Amino acid sequence: MAVIVVARRSFVRKFGGILINPSQEDAMQQAVLTSSRPAKIATANARFLSDLQFAERIGVHRITIWRRSRAEPAFPKPVRLSAGCTRWRVADIEAWEAALP
């Protein structure tokens, strides 16, 4: 993956793994929303936490997050965003927290 450095940060924004001009942003968002791939829609609008952030939020070690995600059916499941990036949806975490006794 190539890294592109731009002098004016306001000129481009990262959107779905590509750098775009702000004038193209609305068109890109519309393309994602009308795409036949629902996974792109979910990841374009969702907020995510890493295993470390999720562990800090509930006060356990990060390994406990992985163990519980495999062992407990009601525990939020991780979402694989790329080969080296797995995260948890904040909405799933909040729903799980709300269901706790």
PDB file of N, CA and C in Angstrom:
ATOM      1  N   MET A   1       0.850  -1.168   0.000  1.00  0.00           N
ATOM      2  CA  MET A   1       0.000   0.000   0.000  1.00  0.00           C
ATOM      3  C   MET A   1       0.901   1.237   0.000  1.00  0.00           C
ATOM      4  N   ALA A   2       0.647   2.133  -0.905  1.00  0.00           N
ATOM      5  CA  ALA A   2       1.429   3.361  -1.000  1.00  0.00           C
ATOM      6  C   ALA A   2       0.850   4.425  -0.086  1.00  0.00           C
ATOM      7  N   VAL A   3       1.721   5.225   0.468  1.00  0.00           N
ATOM      8  CA  VAL A   3       1.296   6.327   1.318  1.00  0.00           C
ATOM      9  C   VAL A   3       1.478   7.608   0.537  1.00  0.00           C
ATOM     10  N   ILE A   4       0.434   8.407   0.488  1.00  0.00           N
ATOM     11  CA  ILE A   4       0.478   9.670  -0.242  1.00  0.00           C
ATOM     12  C   ILE A   4       0.480  10.807   0.766  1.00  0.00           C
ATOM     13  N   VAL A   5       1.444  11.689   0.641  1.00  0.00           N
ATOM     14  CA  VAL A   5       1.533  12.840   1.528  1.00  0.00           C
ATOM     15  C   VAL A   5       1.110  14.070   0.734  1.00  0.00           C
ATOM     16  N   VAL A   6       0.174  14.810   1.287  1.00  0.00           N
ATOM     17  CA  VAL A   6      -0.350  15.994   0.615  1.00  0.00           C
ATOM     18  C   VAL A   6      -0.078  17.200   1.498  1.00  0.00           C
ATOM     19  N   ALA A   7       0.414  18.275   0.896  1.00  0.00           N
ATOM     20  CA  ALA A   7       0.759  19.473   1.659  1.00  0.00           C
ATOM     21  C   ALA A   7      -0.477  20.108   2.279  1.00  0.00           C
ATOM     22  N   ARG A   8      -1.542  20.228   1.525  1.00  0.00           N
ATOM     23  CA  ARG A   8      -2.780  20.801   2.047  1.00  0.00           C
ATOM     24  C   ARG A   8      -3.702  19.683   2.485  1.00  0.00           C
ATOM     25  N   ARG A   9      -3.834  19.477   3.761  1.00  0.00           N
ATOM     26  CA  ARG A   9      -4.646  18.385   4.279  1.00  0.00           C
ATOM     27  C   ARG A   9      -6.125  18.594   3.975  1.00  0.00           C
ATOM     28  N   SER A  10      -6.566  19.829   3.843  1.00  0.00           N
ATOM     29  CA  SER A  10      -7.979  20.069   3.596  1.00  0.00           C
ATOM     30  C   SER A  10      -8.379  19.749   2.160  1.00  0.00           C
ATOM     31  N   PHE A  11      -7.412  19.550   1.287  1.00  0.00           N
ATOM     32  CA  PHE A  11      -7.706  19.297  -0.114  1.00  0.00           C
ATOM     33  C   PHE A  11      -8.213  17.881  -0.350  1.00  0.00           C
ATOM     34  N   VAL A  12      -7.710  16.932   0.395  1.00  0.00           N
ATOM     35  CA  VAL A  12      -8.127  15.552   0.197  1.00  0.00           C
ATOM     36  C   VAL A  12      -8.571  14.934   1.513  1.00  0.00           C
ATOM     37  N   ARG A  13      -9.432  13.952   1.423  1.00  0.00           N
ATOM     38  CA  ARG A  13      -9.867  13.198   2.600  1.00  0.00           C
ATOM     39  C   ARG A  13      -9.792  11.727   2.260  1.00  0.00           C
ATOM     40  N   LYS A  14      -9.479  10.945   3.253  1.00  0.00           N
ATOM     41  CA  LYS A  14      -9.440   9.511   3.025  1.00  0.00           C
ATOM     42  C   LYS A  14     -10.857   8.972   3.126  1.00  0.00           C
ATOM     43  N   PHE A  15     -11.294   8.255   2.133  1.00  0.00           N
ATOM     44  CA  PHE A  15     -12.645   7.714   2.088  1.00  0.00           C
ATOM     45  C   PHE A  15     -12.571   6.312   1.500  1.00  0.00           C
ATOM     46  N   GLY A  16     -12.795   5.317   2.329  1.00  0.00           N
ATOM     47  CA  GLY A  16     -12.811   3.948   1.839  1.00  0.00           C
ATOM     48  C   GLY A  16     -11.492   3.490   1.260  1.00  0.00           C
ATOM     49  N   GLY A  17     -10.386   3.971   1.776  1.00  0.00           N
ATOM     50  CA  GLY A  17      -9.079   3.525   1.325  1.00  0.00           C
ATOM     51  C   GLY A  17      -8.509   4.315   0.168  1.00  0.00           C
ATOM     52  N   ILE A  18      -9.244   5.326  -0.342  1.00  0.00           N
ATOM     53  CA  ILE A  18      -8.703   6.144  -1.425  1.00  0.00           C
ATOM     54  C   ILE A  18      -8.743   7.605  -1.014  1.00  0.00           C
ATOM     55  N   LEU A  19      -7.905   8.412  -1.624  1.00  0.00           N
ATOM     56  CA  LEU A  19      -7.899   9.843  -1.346  1.00  0.00           C
ATOM     57  C   LEU A  19      -8.730  10.544  -2.405  1.00  0.00           C
ATOM     58  N   ILE A  20      -9.632  11.405  -1.948  1.00  0.00           N
ATOM     59  CA  ILE A  20     -10.516  12.086  -2.893  1.00  0.00           C
ATOM     60  C   ILE A  20     -10.534  13.587  -2.631  1.00  0.00           C
ATOM     61  N   ASN A  21     -10.934  14.323  -3.606  1.00  0.00           N
ATOM     62  CA  ASN A  21     -11.133  15.762  -3.549  1.00  0.00           C
ATOM     63  C   ASN A  21     -12.475  16.011  -2.862  1.00  0.00           C
ATOM     64  N   PRO A  22     -12.606  17.040  -2.015  1.00  0.00           N
ATOM     65  CA  PRO A  22     -13.888  17.298  -1.345  1.00  0.00           C
ATOM     66  C   PRO A  22     -15.066  17.431  -2.292  1.00  0.00           C
ATOM     67  N   SER A  23     -14.861  17.939  -3.497  1.00  0.00           N
ATOM     68  CA  SER A  23     -15.970  18.075  -4.442  1.00  0.00           C
ATOM     69  C   SER A  23     -16.460  16.710  -4.917  1.00  0.00           C
ATOM     70  N   GLN A  24     -15.626  15.671  -4.807  1.00  0.00           N
ATOM     71  CA  GLN A  24     -16.021  14.329  -5.206  1.00  0.00           C
ATOM     72  C   GLN A  24     -16.625  13.540  -4.052  1.00  0.00           C
ATOM     73  N   GLU A  25     -16.551  14.088  -2.845  1.00  0.00           N
ATOM     74  CA  GLU A  25     -16.971  13.340  -1.660  1.00  0.00           C
ATOM     75  C   GLU A  25     -18.446  12.946  -1.713  1.00  0.00           C
ATOM     76  N   ASP A  26     -19.331  13.880  -2.086  1.00  0.00           N
ATOM     77  CA  ASP A  26     -20.759  13.565  -2.138  1.00  0.00           C
ATOM     78  C   ASP A  26     -21.039  12.454  -3.144  1.00  0.00           C
ATOM     79  N   ALA A  27     -20.377  12.511  -4.281  1.00  0.00           N
ATOM     80  CA  ALA A  27     -20.559  11.470  -5.291  1.00  0.00           C
ATOM     81  C   ALA A  27     -20.066  10.125  -4.780  1.00  0.00           C
ATOM     82  N   MET A  28     -18.958  10.119  -4.055  1.00  0.00           N
ATOM     83  CA  MET A  28     -18.415   8.876  -3.512  1.00  0.00           C
ATOM     84  C   MET A  28     -19.355   8.307  -2.456  1.00  0.00           C
ATOM     85  N   GLN A  29     -19.889   9.154  -1.574  1.00  0.00           N
ATOM     86  CA  GLN A  29     -20.806   8.672  -0.548  1.00  0.00           C
ATOM     87  C   GLN A  29     -22.065   8.097  -1.178  1.00  0.00           C
ATOM     88  N   GLN A  30     -22.581   8.749  -2.195  1.00  0.00           N
ATOM     89  CA  GLN A  30     -23.767   8.252  -2.880  1.00  0.00           C
ATOM     90  C   GLN A  30     -23.471   6.917  -3.550  1.00  0.00           C
ATOM     91  N   ALA A  31     -22.294   6.780  -4.136  1.00  0.00           N
ATOM     92  CA  ALA A  31     -21.917   5.523  -4.778  1.00  0.00           C
ATOM     93  C   ALA A  31     -21.845   4.398  -3.753  1.00  0.00           C
ATOM     94  N   VAL A  32     -21.317   4.694  -2.575  1.00  0.00           N
ATOM     95  CA  VAL A  32     -21.235   3.670  -1.531  1.00  0.00           C
ATOM     96  C   VAL A  32     -22.626   3.305  -1.044  1.00  0.00           C
ATOM     97  N   LEU A  33     -23.499   4.308  -0.865  1.00  0.00           N
ATOM     98  CA  LEU A  33     -24.836   4.047  -0.357  1.00  0.00           C
ATOM     99  C   LEU A  33     -25.699   3.263  -1.340  1.00  0.00           C
ATOM    100  N   THR A  34     -25.448   3.424  -2.635  1.00  0.00           N
ATOM    101  CA  THR A  34     -26.239   2.706  -3.629  1.00  0.00           C
ATOM    102  C   THR A  34     -25.531   1.451  -4.117  1.00  0.00           C
ATOM    103  N   SER A  35     -24.399   1.138  -3.534  1.00  0.00           N
ATOM    104  CA  SER A  35     -23.640  -0.042  -3.927  1.00  0.00           C
ATOM    105  C   SER A  35     -24.409  -1.303  -3.584  1.00  0.00           C
ATOM    106  N   SER A  36     -24.131  -2.371  -4.324  1.00  0.00           N
ATOM    107  CA  SER A  36     -24.765  -3.660  -4.035  1.00  0.00           C
ATOM    108  C   SER A  36     -24.014  -4.417  -2.953  1.00  0.00           C
ATOM    109  N   ARG A  37     -22.980  -3.814  -2.379  1.00  0.00           N
ATOM    110  CA  ARG A  37     -22.191  -4.461  -1.337  1.00  0.00           C
ATOM    111  C   ARG A  37     -22.515  -3.823   0.011  1.00  0.00           C
ATOM    112  N   PRO A  38     -23.401  -4.421   0.811  1.00  0.00           N
ATOM    113  CA  PRO A  38     -23.799  -3.818   2.082  1.00  0.00           C
ATOM    114  C   PRO A  38     -22.659  -3.671   3.075  1.00  0.00           C
ATOM    115  N   ALA A  39     -21.609  -4.470   2.970  1.00  0.00           N
ATOM    116  CA  ALA A  39     -20.482  -4.356   3.901  1.00  0.00           C
ATOM    117  C   ALA A  39     -19.827  -2.982   3.788  1.00  0.00           C
ATOM    118  N   LYS A  40     -19.755  -2.432   2.592  1.00  0.00           N
ATOM    119  CA  LYS A  40     -19.174  -1.109   2.408  1.00  0.00           C
ATOM    120  C   LYS A  40     -20.032  -0.042   3.088  1.00  0.00           C
ATOM    121  N   ILE A  41     -21.339  -0.204   3.031  1.00  0.00           N
ATOM    122  CA  ILE A  41     -22.233   0.759   3.662  1.00  0.00           C
ATOM    123  C   ILE A  41     -22.015   0.737   5.168  1.00  0.00           C
ATOM    124  N   ALA A  42     -21.923  -0.441   5.730  1.00  0.00           N
ATOM    125  CA  ALA A  42     -21.750  -0.570   7.174  1.00  0.00           C
ATOM    126  C   ALA A  42     -20.441   0.034   7.632  1.00  0.00           C
ATOM    127  N   THR A  43     -19.361  -0.210   6.899  1.00  0.00           N
ATOM    128  CA  THR A  43     -18.062   0.286   7.340  1.00  0.00           C
ATOM    129  C   THR A  43     -17.873   1.761   7.045  1.00  0.00           C
ATOM    130  N   ALA A  44     -18.599   2.295   6.055  1.00  0.00           N
ATOM    131  CA  ALA A  44     -18.428   3.708   5.723  1.00  0.00           C
ATOM    132  C   ALA A  44     -19.038   4.614   6.788  1.00  0.00           C
ATOM    133  N   ASN A  45     -20.077   4.142   7.472  1.00  0.00           N
ATOM    134  CA  ASN A  45     -20.785   4.997   8.417  1.00  0.00           C
ATOM    135  C   ASN A  45     -20.607   4.598   9.883  1.00  0.00           C
ATOM    136  N   ALA A  46     -19.950   3.485  10.143  1.00  0.00           N
ATOM    137  CA  ALA A  46     -19.844   2.978  11.499  1.00  0.00           C
ATOM    138  C   ALA A  46     -18.577   3.474  12.188  1.00  0.00           C
ATOM    139  N   ARG A  47     -18.641   3.516  13.530  1.00  0.00           N
ATOM    140  CA  ARG A  47     -17.461   3.810  14.339  1.00  0.00           C
ATOM    141  C   ARG A  47     -16.970   2.491  14.905  1.00  0.00           C
ATOM    142  N   PHE A  48     -15.658   2.372  15.050  1.00  0.00           N
ATOM    143  CA  PHE A  48     -15.071   1.131  15.489  1.00  0.00           C
ATOM    144  C   PHE A  48     -14.104   1.356  16.636  1.00  0.00           C
ATOM    145  N   LEU A  49     -13.893   0.291  17.442  1.00  0.00           N
ATOM    146  CA  LEU A  49     -12.893   0.289  18.501  1.00  0.00           C
ATOM    147  C   LEU A  49     -11.948  -0.878  18.280  1.00  0.00           C
ATOM    148  N   SER A  50     -10.688  -0.681  18.615  1.00  0.00           N
ATOM    149  CA  SER A  50      -9.718  -1.778  18.577  1.00  0.00           C
ATOM    150  C   SER A  50      -9.933  -2.669  19.789  1.00  0.00           C
ATOM    151  N   ASP A  51      -9.247  -3.804  19.820  1.00  0.00           N
ATOM    152  CA  ASP A  51      -9.372  -4.693  20.973  1.00  0.00           C
ATOM    153  C   ASP A  51      -8.880  -4.009  22.248  1.00  0.00           C
ATOM    154  N   LEU A  52      -7.831  -3.220  22.135  1.00  0.00           N
ATOM    155  CA  LEU A  52      -7.302  -2.509  23.301  1.00  0.00           C
ATOM    156  C   LEU A  52      -8.291  -1.450  23.803  1.00  0.00           C
ATOM    157  N   GLN A  53      -8.890  -0.694  22.889  1.00  0.00           N
ATOM    158  CA  GLN A  53      -9.869   0.319  23.274  1.00  0.00           C
ATOM    159  C   GLN A  53     -11.109  -0.320  23.902  1.00  0.00           C
ATOM    160  N   PHE A  54     -11.567  -1.421  23.329  1.00  0.00           N
ATOM    161  CA  PHE A  54     -12.721  -2.132  23.861  1.00  0.00           C
ATOM    162  C   PHE A  54     -12.400  -2.680  25.247  1.00  0.00           C
ATOM    163  N   ALA A  55     -11.203  -3.246  25.420  1.00  0.00           N
ATOM    164  CA  ALA A  55     -10.791  -3.793  26.717  1.00  0.00           C
ATOM    165  C   ALA A  55     -10.735  -2.701  27.777  1.00  0.00           C
ATOM    166  N   GLU A  56     -10.188  -1.544  27.424  1.00  0.00           N
ATOM    167  CA  GLU A  56     -10.131  -0.422  28.369  1.00  0.00           C
ATOM    168  C   GLU A  56     -11.535   0.041  28.740  1.00  0.00           C
ATOM    169  N   ARG A  57     -12.429   0.013  27.784  1.00  0.00           N
ATOM    170  CA  ARG A  57     -13.805   0.467  28.020  1.00  0.00           C
ATOM    171  C   ARG A  57     -14.517  -0.398  29.060  1.00  0.00           C
ATOM    172  N   ILE A  58     -14.270  -1.722  29.028  1.00  0.00           N
ATOM    173  CA  ILE A  58     -14.970  -2.591  29.971  1.00  0.00           C
ATOM    174  C   ILE A  58     -14.076  -3.063  31.115  1.00  0.00           C
ATOM    175  N   GLY A  59     -12.819  -2.650  31.130  1.00  0.00           N
ATOM    176  CA  GLY A  59     -11.933  -2.916  32.259  1.00  0.00           C
ATOM    177  C   GLY A  59     -11.356  -4.317  32.330  1.00  0.00           C
ATOM    178  N   VAL A  60     -11.017  -4.880  31.166  1.00  0.00           N
ATOM    179  CA  VAL A  60     -10.387  -6.197  31.121  1.00  0.00           C
ATOM    180  C   VAL A  60      -9.144  -6.127  30.231  1.00  0.00           C
ATOM    181  N   HIS A  61      -8.402  -7.227  30.178  1.00  0.00           N
ATOM    182  CA  HIS A  61      -7.232  -7.309  29.297  1.00  0.00           C
ATOM    183  C   HIS A  61      -7.699  -7.551  27.863  1.00  0.00           C
ATOM    184  N   ARG A  62      -6.907  -7.132  26.894  1.00  0.00           N
ATOM    185  CA  ARG A  62      -7.311  -7.278  25.489  1.00  0.00           C
ATOM    186  C   ARG A  62      -7.488  -8.737  25.076  1.00  0.00           C
ATOM    187  N   ILE A  63      -6.741  -9.657  25.667  1.00  0.00           N
ATOM    188  CA  ILE A  63      -6.895 -11.071  25.345  1.00  0.00           C
ATOM    189  C   ILE A  63      -8.270 -11.575  25.795  1.00  0.00           C
ATOM    190  N   THR A  64      -8.771 -11.020  26.885  1.00  0.00           N
ATOM    191  CA  THR A  64     -10.100 -11.401  27.376  1.00  0.00           C
ATOM    192  C   THR A  64     -11.175 -11.049  26.348  1.00  0.00           C
ATOM    193  N   ILE A  65     -10.994  -9.973  25.647  1.00  0.00           N
ATOM    194  CA  ILE A  65     -11.942  -9.569  24.592  1.00  0.00           C
ATOM    195  C   ILE A  65     -12.020 -10.660  23.532  1.00  0.00           C
ATOM    196  N   TRP A  66     -10.879 -11.134  23.082  1.00  0.00           N
ATOM    197  CA  TRP A  66     -10.843 -12.187  22.065  1.00  0.00           C
ATOM    198  C   TRP A  66     -11.438 -13.484  22.591  1.00  0.00           C
ATOM    199  N   ARG A  67     -11.111 -13.854  23.810  1.00  0.00           N
ATOM    200  CA  ARG A  67     -11.647 -15.089  24.387  1.00  0.00           C
ATOM    201  C   ARG A  67     -13.164 -15.027  24.501  1.00  0.00           C
ATOM    202  N   ARG A  68     -13.656 -13.908  25.008  1.00  0.00           N
ATOM    203  CA  ARG A  68     -15.103 -13.774  25.180  1.00  0.00           C
ATOM    204  C   ARG A  68     -15.830 -13.717  23.840  1.00  0.00           C
ATOM    205  N   SER A  69     -15.207 -13.114  22.824  1.00  0.00           N
ATOM    206  CA  SER A  69     -15.865 -13.052  21.512  1.00  0.00           C
ATOM    207  C   SER A  69     -16.008 -14.436  20.898  1.00  0.00           C
ATOM    208  N   ARG A  70     -15.113 -15.355  21.248  1.00  0.00           N
ATOM    209  CA  ARG A  70     -15.211 -16.729  20.748  1.00  0.00           C
ATOM    210  C   ARG A  70     -16.131 -17.593  21.611  1.00  0.00           C
ATOM    211  N   ALA A  71     -16.168 -17.340  22.915  1.00  0.00           N
ATOM    212  CA  ALA A  71     -16.861 -18.226  23.845  1.00  0.00           C
ATOM    213  C   ALA A  71     -18.307 -17.833  24.141  1.00  0.00           C
ATOM    214  N   GLU A  72     -18.607 -16.544  24.129  1.00  0.00           N
ATOM    215  CA  GLU A  72     -19.936 -16.078  24.524  1.00  0.00           C
ATOM    216  C   GLU A  72     -20.753 -15.652  23.300  1.00  0.00           C
ATOM    217  N   PRO A  73     -21.888 -16.296  23.067  1.00  0.00           N
ATOM    218  CA  PRO A  73     -22.698 -15.957  21.894  1.00  0.00           C
ATOM    219  C   PRO A  73     -23.237 -14.522  21.907  1.00  0.00           C
ATOM    220  N   ALA A  74     -23.522 -13.974  23.078  1.00  0.00           N
ATOM    221  CA  ALA A  74     -24.097 -12.625  23.154  1.00  0.00           C
ATOM    222  C   ALA A  74     -23.041 -11.527  23.074  1.00  0.00           C
ATOM    223  N   PHE A  75     -21.776 -11.874  23.201  1.00  0.00           N
ATOM    224  CA  PHE A  75     -20.689 -10.887  23.184  1.00  0.00           C
ATOM    225  C   PHE A  75     -20.524 -10.335  21.770  1.00  0.00           C
ATOM    226  N   PRO A  76     -20.243  -9.040  21.619  1.00  0.00           N
ATOM    227  CA  PRO A  76     -20.069  -8.462  20.273  1.00  0.00           C
ATOM    228  C   PRO A  76     -18.982  -9.183  19.483  1.00  0.00           C
ATOM    229  N   LYS A  77     -19.260  -9.436  18.228  1.00  0.00           N
ATOM    230  CA  LYS A  77     -18.309 -10.127  17.358  1.00  0.00           C
ATOM    231  C   LYS A  77     -17.416  -9.113  16.643  1.00  0.00           C
ATOM    232  N   PRO A  78     -16.155  -9.465  16.426  1.00  0.00           N
ATOM    233  CA  PRO A  78     -15.251  -8.553  15.714  1.00  0.00           C
ATOM    234  C   PRO A  78     -15.581  -8.489  14.227  1.00  0.00           C
ATOM    235  N   VAL A  79     -15.196  -7.371  13.618  1.00  0.00           N
ATOM    236  CA  VAL A  79     -15.391  -7.155  12.195  1.00  0.00           C
ATOM    237  C   VAL A  79     -14.010  -7.008  11.569  1.00  0.00           C
ATOM    238  N   ARG A  80     -13.719  -7.818  10.571  1.00  0.00           N
ATOM    239  CA  ARG A  80     -12.419  -7.744   9.900  1.00  0.00           C
ATOM    240  C   ARG A  80     -12.494  -6.698   8.791  1.00  0.00           C
ATOM    241  N   LEU A  81     -11.787  -5.584   8.969  1.00  0.00           N
ATOM    242  CA  LEU A  81     -11.821  -4.498   7.996  1.00  0.00           C
ATOM    243  C   LEU A  81     -10.806  -4.694   6.884  1.00  0.00           C
ATOM    244  N   SER A  82      -9.688  -5.330   7.201  1.00  0.00           N
ATOM    245  CA  SER A  82      -8.671  -5.667   6.204  1.00  0.00           C
ATOM    246  C   SER A  82      -7.838  -6.806   6.764  1.00  0.00           C
ATOM    247  N   ALA A  83      -6.795  -7.186   6.051  1.00  0.00           N
ATOM    248  CA  ALA A  83      -5.981  -8.328   6.469  1.00  0.00           C
ATOM    249  C   ALA A  83      -5.384  -8.140   7.861  1.00  0.00           C
ATOM    250  N   GLY A  84      -4.981  -6.953   8.221  1.00  0.00           N
ATOM    251  CA  GLY A  84      -4.363  -6.721   9.516  1.00  0.00           C
ATOM    252  C   GLY A  84      -5.158  -5.824  10.441  1.00  0.00           C
ATOM    253  N   CYS A  85      -6.460  -5.679  10.172  1.00  0.00           N
ATOM    254  CA  CYS A  85      -7.259  -4.724  10.945  1.00  0.00           C
ATOM    255  C   CYS A  85      -8.608  -5.341  11.319  1.00  0.00           C
ATOM    256  N   THR A  86      -8.742  -5.700  12.593  1.00  0.00           N
ATOM    257  CA  THR A  86     -10.000  -6.220  13.111  1.00  0.00           C
ATOM    258  C   THR A  86     -10.480  -5.284  14.204  1.00  0.00           C
ATOM    259  N   ARG A  87     -11.736  -4.901  14.139  1.00  0.00           N
ATOM    260  CA  ARG A  87     -12.304  -3.944  15.083  1.00  0.00           C
ATOM    261  C   ARG A  87     -13.685  -4.410  15.528  1.00  0.00           C
ATOM    262  N   TRP A  88     -14.225  -3.717  16.534  1.00  0.00           N
ATOM    263  CA  TRP A  88     -15.577  -3.965  17.022  1.00  0.00           C
ATOM    264  C   TRP A  88     -16.419  -2.727  16.764  1.00  0.00           C
ATOM    265  N   ARG A  89     -17.646  -2.921  16.291  1.00  0.00           N
ATOM    266  CA  ARG A  89     -18.554  -1.795  16.052  1.00  0.00           C
ATOM    267  C   ARG A  89     -19.009  -1.222  17.391  1.00  0.00           C
ATOM    268  N   VAL A  90     -18.961   0.093  17.517  1.00  0.00           N
ATOM    269  CA  VAL A  90     -19.402   0.758  18.739  1.00  0.00           C
ATOM    270  C   VAL A  90     -20.891   0.497  18.969  1.00  0.00           C
ATOM    271  N   ALA A  91     -21.676   0.477  17.914  1.00  0.00           N
ATOM    272  CA  ALA A  91     -23.112   0.214  18.050  1.00  0.00           C
ATOM    273  C   ALA A  91     -23.364  -1.168  18.648  1.00  0.00           C
ATOM    274  N   ASP A  92     -22.584  -2.178  18.228  1.00  0.00           N
ATOM    275  CA  ASP A  92     -22.724  -3.522  18.782  1.00  0.00           C
ATOM    276  C   ASP A  92     -22.336  -3.544  20.257  1.00  0.00           C
ATOM    277  N   ILE A  93     -21.275  -2.821  20.593  1.00  0.00           N
ATOM    278  CA  ILE A  93     -20.818  -2.759  21.984  1.00  0.00           C
ATOM    279  C   ILE A  93     -21.865  -2.087  22.855  1.00  0.00           C
ATOM    280  N   GLU A  94     -22.424  -0.974  22.373  1.00  0.00           N
ATOM    281  CA  GLU A  94     -23.439  -0.260  23.146  1.00  0.00           C
ATOM    282  C   GLU A  94     -24.691  -1.104  23.336  1.00  0.00           C
ATOM    283  N   ALA A  95     -25.086  -1.863  22.299  1.00  0.00           N
ATOM    284  CA  ALA A  95     -26.253  -2.746  22.423  1.00  0.00           C
ATOM    285  C   ALA A  95     -25.975  -3.853  23.442  1.00  0.00           C
ATOM    286  N   TRP A  96     -24.770  -4.407  23.419  1.00  0.00           N
ATOM    287  CA  TRP A  96     -24.397  -5.446  24.375  1.00  0.00           C
ATOM    288  C   TRP A  96     -24.389  -4.896  25.802  1.00  0.00           C
ATOM    289  N   GLU A  97     -23.837  -3.679  25.971  1.00  0.00           N
ATOM    290  CA  GLU A  97     -23.807  -3.047  27.303  1.00  0.00           C
ATOM    291  C   GLU A  97     -25.230  -2.781  27.815  1.00  0.00           C
ATOM    292  N   ALA A  98     -26.113  -2.375  26.914  1.00  0.00           N
ATOM    293  CA  ALA A  98     -27.492  -2.086  27.328  1.00  0.00           C
ATOM    294  C   ALA A  98     -28.231  -3.362  27.759  1.00  0.00           C
ATOM    295  N   ALA A  99     -27.852  -4.493  27.182  1.00  0.00           N
ATOM    296  CA  ALA A  99     -28.502  -5.760  27.511  1.00  0.00           C
ATOM    297  C   ALA A  99     -27.953  -6.405  28.772  1.00  0.00           C
ATOM    298  N   LEU A 100     -26.864  -5.878  29.312  1.00  0.00           N
ATOM    299  CA  LEU A 100     -26.285  -6.456  30.534  1.00  0.00           C
ATOM    300  C   LEU A 100     -27.219  -6.214  31.720  1.00  0.00           C
ATOM    301  N   PRO A 101     -27.253  -7.185  32.680  1.00  0.00           N
ATOM    302  CA  PRO A 101     -28.140  -7.009  33.844  1.00  0.00           C
ATOM    303  C   PRO A 101     -27.644  -5.922  34.770  1.00  0.00           C
TER     304      PRO A 101
END
